[in-house]
Amino acid sequence: MRRKTRVSVTTEDIQFITGKSKRYAQNLIAKMKEHYNKEKYQLITFQEFCDYIGIKYSEIEHLIH
């Protein structure tokens, strides 16, 4: 059976990956949306998150489920 993986990053994901607070994660998502010229309703992908904070997707890929 195929595992379902998500494409978009949430504040909880950022908290888990970075060990930072919920407020930090919310601010980071807002900064990324501004950086990528996204509207409020648009989502941030894991790839965009990785590119923005400077880590390789392969380093967090096993955390995404």
C-alpha atoms as a PDB file:
ATOM      1  CA  MET A   1       0.000   0.000   0.000  1.00  0.00           C
ATOM      2  CA  ARG A   2       1.204   3.455  -0.869  1.00  0.00           C
ATOM      3  CA  ARG A   3       1.866   5.932   1.911  1.00  0.00           C
ATOM      4  CA  LYS A   4       0.169   9.284   1.658  1.00  0.00           C
ATOM      5  CA  THR A   5       2.536  12.191   1.902  1.00  0.00           C
ATOM      6  CA  ARG A   6       1.710  15.840   2.124  1.00  0.00           C
ATOM      7  CA  VAL A   7       3.113  18.507  -0.131  1.00  0.00           C
ATOM      8  CA  SER A   8       2.460  21.569   2.010  1.00  0.00           C
ATOM      9  CA  VAL A   9       4.219  22.499   5.223  1.00  0.00           C
ATOM     10  CA  THR A  10       2.305  23.433   8.406  1.00  0.00           C
ATOM     11  CA  THR A  11       3.276  25.353  11.509  1.00  0.00           C
ATOM     12  CA  GLU A  12       3.424  22.047  13.373  1.00  0.00           C
ATOM     13  CA  ASP A  13       5.901  20.677  10.822  1.00  0.00           C
ATOM     14  CA  ILE A  14       8.132  23.721  11.240  1.00  0.00           C
ATOM     15  CA  GLN A  15       7.941  23.420  15.025  1.00  0.00           C
ATOM     16  CA  PHE A  16       8.934  19.759  14.846  1.00  0.00           C
ATOM     17  CA  ILE A  17      11.788  20.306  12.387  1.00  0.00           C
ATOM     18  CA  THR A  18      13.256  23.450  13.965  1.00  0.00           C
ATOM     19  CA  GLY A  19      12.349  22.986  17.621  1.00  0.00           C
ATOM     20  CA  LYS A  20      11.041  26.559  17.682  1.00  0.00           C
ATOM     21  CA  SER A  21       7.753  27.994  18.949  1.00  0.00           C
ATOM     22  CA  LYS A  22       4.416  28.119  17.153  1.00  0.00           C
ATOM     23  CA  ARG A  23       4.718  31.894  16.804  1.00  0.00           C
ATOM     24  CA  TYR A  24       8.135  31.517  15.147  1.00  0.00           C
ATOM     25  CA  ALA A  25       6.638  29.011  12.700  1.00  0.00           C
ATOM     26  CA  GLN A  26       3.727  31.330  11.891  1.00  0.00           C
ATOM     27  CA  ASN A  27       6.091  34.241  11.263  1.00  0.00           C
ATOM     28  CA  LEU A  28       8.335  32.073   9.101  1.00  0.00           C
ATOM     29  CA  ILE A  29       5.411  30.997   6.928  1.00  0.00           C
ATOM     30  CA  ALA A  30       4.386  34.639   6.518  1.00  0.00           C
ATOM     31  CA  LYS A  31       7.939  35.582   5.499  1.00  0.00           C
ATOM     32  CA  MET A  32       8.110  32.706   3.026  1.00  0.00           C
ATOM     33  CA  LYS A  33       4.782  33.700   1.465  1.00  0.00           C
ATOM     34  CA  GLU A  34       6.110  37.233   1.026  1.00  0.00           C
ATOM     35  CA  HIS A  35       9.393  35.933  -0.378  1.00  0.00           C
ATOM     36  CA  TYR A  36       7.633  33.673  -2.913  1.00  0.00           C
ATOM     37  CA  ASN A  37       4.950  36.302  -3.717  1.00  0.00           C
ATOM     38  CA  LYS A  38       2.101  34.071  -2.569  1.00  0.00           C
ATOM     39  CA  GLU A  39      -1.373  35.088  -1.477  1.00  0.00           C
ATOM     40  CA  LYS A  40      -2.565  34.377   2.073  1.00  0.00           C
ATOM     41  CA  TYR A  41      -4.616  31.398   0.945  1.00  0.00           C
ATOM     42  CA  GLN A  42      -1.738  29.754  -0.971  1.00  0.00           C
ATOM     43  CA  LEU A  43       0.355  27.044   0.638  1.00  0.00           C
ATOM     44  CA  ILE A  44       4.101  26.686   1.136  1.00  0.00           C
ATOM     45  CA  THR A  45       5.577  23.408  -0.099  1.00  0.00           C
ATOM     46  CA  PHE A  46       8.225  21.409   1.694  1.00  0.00           C
ATOM     47  CA  GLN A  47      10.629  22.129  -1.173  1.00  0.00           C
ATOM     48  CA  GLU A  48      10.069  25.886  -0.822  1.00  0.00           C
ATOM     49  CA  PHE A  49      10.564  25.585   2.942  1.00  0.00           C
ATOM     50  CA  CYS A  50      13.843  23.719   2.479  1.00  0.00           C
ATOM     51  CA  ASP A  51      15.110  26.178  -0.115  1.00  0.00           C
ATOM     52  CA  TYR A  52      14.207  29.123   2.100  1.00  0.00           C
ATOM     53  CA  ILE A  53      15.928  27.874   5.258  1.00  0.00           C
ATOM     54  CA  GLY A  54      18.849  26.309   3.402  1.00  0.00           C
ATOM     55  CA  ILE A  55      18.541  22.597   4.060  1.00  0.00           C
ATOM     56  CA  LYS A  56      18.274  19.713   1.643  1.00  0.00           C
ATOM     57  CA  TYR A  57      14.865  18.145   1.170  1.00  0.00           C
ATOM     58  CA  SER A  58      16.452  14.716   1.601  1.00  0.00           C
ATOM     59  CA  GLU A  59      17.382  15.657   5.188  1.00  0.00           C
ATOM     60  CA  ILE A  60      13.738  16.023   6.233  1.00  0.00           C
ATOM     61  CA  GLU A  61      12.028  13.735   3.739  1.00  0.00           C
ATOM     62  CA  HIS A  62      11.753  10.896   6.270  1.00  0.00           C
ATOM     63  CA  LEU A  63       9.854  13.215   8.664  1.00  0.00           C
ATOM     64  CA  ILE A  64       7.025  13.888   6.205  1.00  0.00           C
ATOM     65  CA  HIS A  65       4.021  11.576   6.485  1.00  0.00           C
END
